[in-house]
Structure formats: structure tokens, C-alpha cells
């Protein structure tokens, strides 16, 4: 006799508890999803979970020194162009040239300190 849906659910939950399975969720953007799909295609895998499980275990096999390369997010270098630097400099100079009487108490410097108290 076939199991009912409730019986199948109970059997699935009991198995998951026995194996100490935990549901991990991952939200990704299009580029990450595309990279995962390509990895799955290269390896001939059809399930996301299987691919991610294999990736985790393979990275772990590398050990702490070699795995850290794959687990360190790339850092972006911020470079300010000459034209932006000039505009920022002109803005700073114009702020310095303003008369102290025109400064309002809500004008803040880079650290959040009111400019009026910074000038005195």
C-alpha cells in the first residue's frame, strides 16, 4: 500500500533528524548563479545542492592555507581621477574661504564634528 503524503513527510523529517541535516539557504545574484551553472555543466551535475556540497568539501580538502585564497573576497581599489580630485579640492577651498559667520551649527566636517567648534 502506498504511503500518504503525511506519512512521507514524517519519514523524510525523521531521516533528516537522524542524519542531522540542516537546511542552508543562499540568495545569489545573476552572476553567481551563472558561475554555479557553468561549474555544474563542466562537472556534469544537475542539482545545485550537490554542486555546492562538493565545492565546500573540495575547498576544505585544500587545507587552511590554500583554501583561504578561494574564501577571500576580492577587494576593489578606489582610484580618484584627477578631475574629481580637483573638484573636491575646489570644494574644500571654497568651504575654507567662507566667512565663519556664514557657517551653520549643522555644518559638519569629515568626522562629524560641527565646523564652528572645529574653527574655535
Protein backbone atom coordinates (compact mmCIF):
# COMPACT_ATOMS: atom_id res chain seq x y z
CA UNK A 1 0.00 0.00 0.00
CA UNK A 2 1.34 3.46 -0.94
CA UNK A 3 2.24 5.93 1.79
CA UNK A 4 0.13 9.03 2.25
CA UNK A 5 1.69 12.48 1.85
CA UNK A 6 1.68 12.91 5.64
CA UNK A 7 3.50 9.60 6.12
CA UNK A 8 6.11 10.51 3.51
CA UNK A 9 6.66 13.90 5.19
CA UNK A 10 7.07 12.27 8.60
CA UNK A 11 9.50 9.71 7.16
CA UNK A 12 11.51 12.48 5.47
CA UNK A 13 11.65 14.56 8.67
CA UNK A 14 12.74 11.54 10.74
CA UNK A 15 15.53 10.75 8.27
CA UNK A 16 16.71 14.37 8.24
CA UNK A 17 16.76 14.43 12.04
CA UNK A 18 18.60 11.11 12.24
CA UNK A 19 21.25 12.34 9.77
CA UNK A 20 21.40 15.76 11.50
CA UNK A 21 20.67 17.51 8.21
CA UNK A 22 20.38 21.26 8.26
CA UNK A 23 18.78 23.41 5.58
CA UNK A 24 21.14 26.15 4.38
CA UNK A 25 19.72 28.90 2.22
CA UNK A 26 21.69 31.06 -0.15
CA UNK A 27 20.45 34.08 -2.07
CA UNK A 28 22.58 34.91 -5.08
CA UNK A 29 22.63 37.40 -7.89
CA UNK A 30 22.65 36.58 -11.57
CA UNK A 31 26.46 36.43 -11.93
CA UNK A 32 26.86 34.00 -9.05
CA UNK A 33 24.06 31.80 -10.35
CA UNK A 34 25.63 31.81 -13.82
CA UNK A 35 29.01 30.80 -12.37
CA UNK A 36 27.38 27.93 -10.45
CA UNK A 37 25.52 26.77 -13.56
CA UNK A 38 28.76 26.75 -15.55
CA UNK A 39 30.56 24.78 -12.82
CA UNK A 40 27.69 22.30 -12.79
CA UNK A 41 27.84 21.96 -16.57
CA UNK A 42 31.60 21.37 -16.50
CA UNK A 43 31.19 18.63 -13.88
CA UNK A 44 28.02 17.14 -15.34
CA UNK A 45 25.96 17.91 -12.21
CA UNK A 46 22.24 18.61 -12.25
CA UNK A 47 21.48 19.73 -8.67
CA UNK A 48 22.57 22.99 -7.05
CA UNK A 49 22.86 21.37 -3.63
CA UNK A 50 25.15 18.64 -4.90
CA UNK A 51 27.43 21.16 -6.61
CA UNK A 52 27.65 23.40 -3.54
CA UNK A 53 28.28 20.42 -1.24
CA UNK A 54 31.10 19.21 -3.47
CA UNK A 55 32.61 22.70 -3.68
CA UNK A 56 32.60 23.01 0.11
CA UNK A 57 34.24 19.62 0.62
CA UNK A 58 36.84 20.17 -2.10
CA UNK A 59 37.77 23.59 -0.70
CA UNK A 60 38.06 22.03 2.76
CA UNK A 61 40.40 19.33 1.40
CA UNK A 62 42.82 22.08 0.33
CA UNK A 63 43.54 22.96 3.95
CA UNK A 64 43.54 26.36 5.62
CA UNK A 65 46.46 27.91 3.72
CA UNK A 66 45.29 27.04 0.21
CA UNK A 67 41.54 27.31 0.82
CA UNK A 68 41.81 30.88 2.11
CA UNK A 69 42.62 32.00 -1.46
CA UNK A 70 39.14 30.91 -2.55
CA UNK A 71 37.43 32.31 0.53
CA UNK A 72 38.95 35.79 0.46
CA UNK A 73 36.66 38.22 -1.34
CA UNK A 74 38.32 40.41 -3.95
CA UNK A 75 38.91 43.95 -2.76
CA UNK A 76 38.33 46.83 -5.12
CA UNK A 77 40.85 49.61 -5.36
CA UNK A 78 39.29 53.05 -5.35
CA UNK A 79 41.11 55.48 -7.60
CA UNK A 80 40.05 59.10 -7.75
CA UNK A 81 40.57 60.68 -11.15
CA UNK A 82 42.40 63.99 -11.45
CA UNK A 83 39.21 65.83 -12.41
CA UNK A 84 37.33 64.53 -9.35
CA UNK A 85 40.30 65.35 -7.10
CA UNK A 86 40.33 68.92 -8.48
CA UNK A 87 36.59 69.31 -7.87
CA UNK A 88 36.95 68.04 -4.30
CA UNK A 89 39.88 70.39 -3.71
CA UNK A 90 37.92 73.37 -5.07
CA UNK A 91 35.00 72.46 -2.83
CA UNK A 92 37.29 72.23 0.21
CA UNK A 93 38.90 75.58 -0.58
CA UNK A 94 35.52 77.26 -1.08
CA UNK A 95 34.39 75.93 2.32
CA UNK A 96 37.55 77.27 3.97
CA UNK A 97 37.10 80.69 2.38
CA UNK A 98 33.55 81.13 3.60
CA UNK A 99 33.23 83.60 6.44
CA UNK A 100 32.78 81.94 9.86
CA UNK A 101 29.56 83.93 10.30
CA UNK A 102 28.03 82.02 7.40
CA UNK A 103 28.80 78.63 8.95
CA UNK A 104 25.81 76.96 10.47
CA UNK A 105 25.99 74.78 13.55
CA UNK A 106 24.79 71.80 11.49
CA UNK A 107 27.78 72.03 9.09
CA UNK A 108 29.94 69.01 9.93
CA UNK A 109 33.49 68.12 8.99
CA UNK A 110 34.58 64.65 7.79
CA UNK A 111 34.48 63.25 11.33
CA UNK A 112 31.00 64.55 12.16
CA UNK A 113 32.25 67.41 14.36
CA UNK A 114 30.48 70.75 13.85
CA UNK A 115 32.72 73.08 11.82
CA UNK A 116 32.04 76.04 14.11
CA UNK A 117 33.56 74.25 17.11
CA UNK A 118 36.40 72.93 14.93
CA UNK A 119 37.33 76.51 13.97
CA UNK A 120 37.41 77.81 17.53
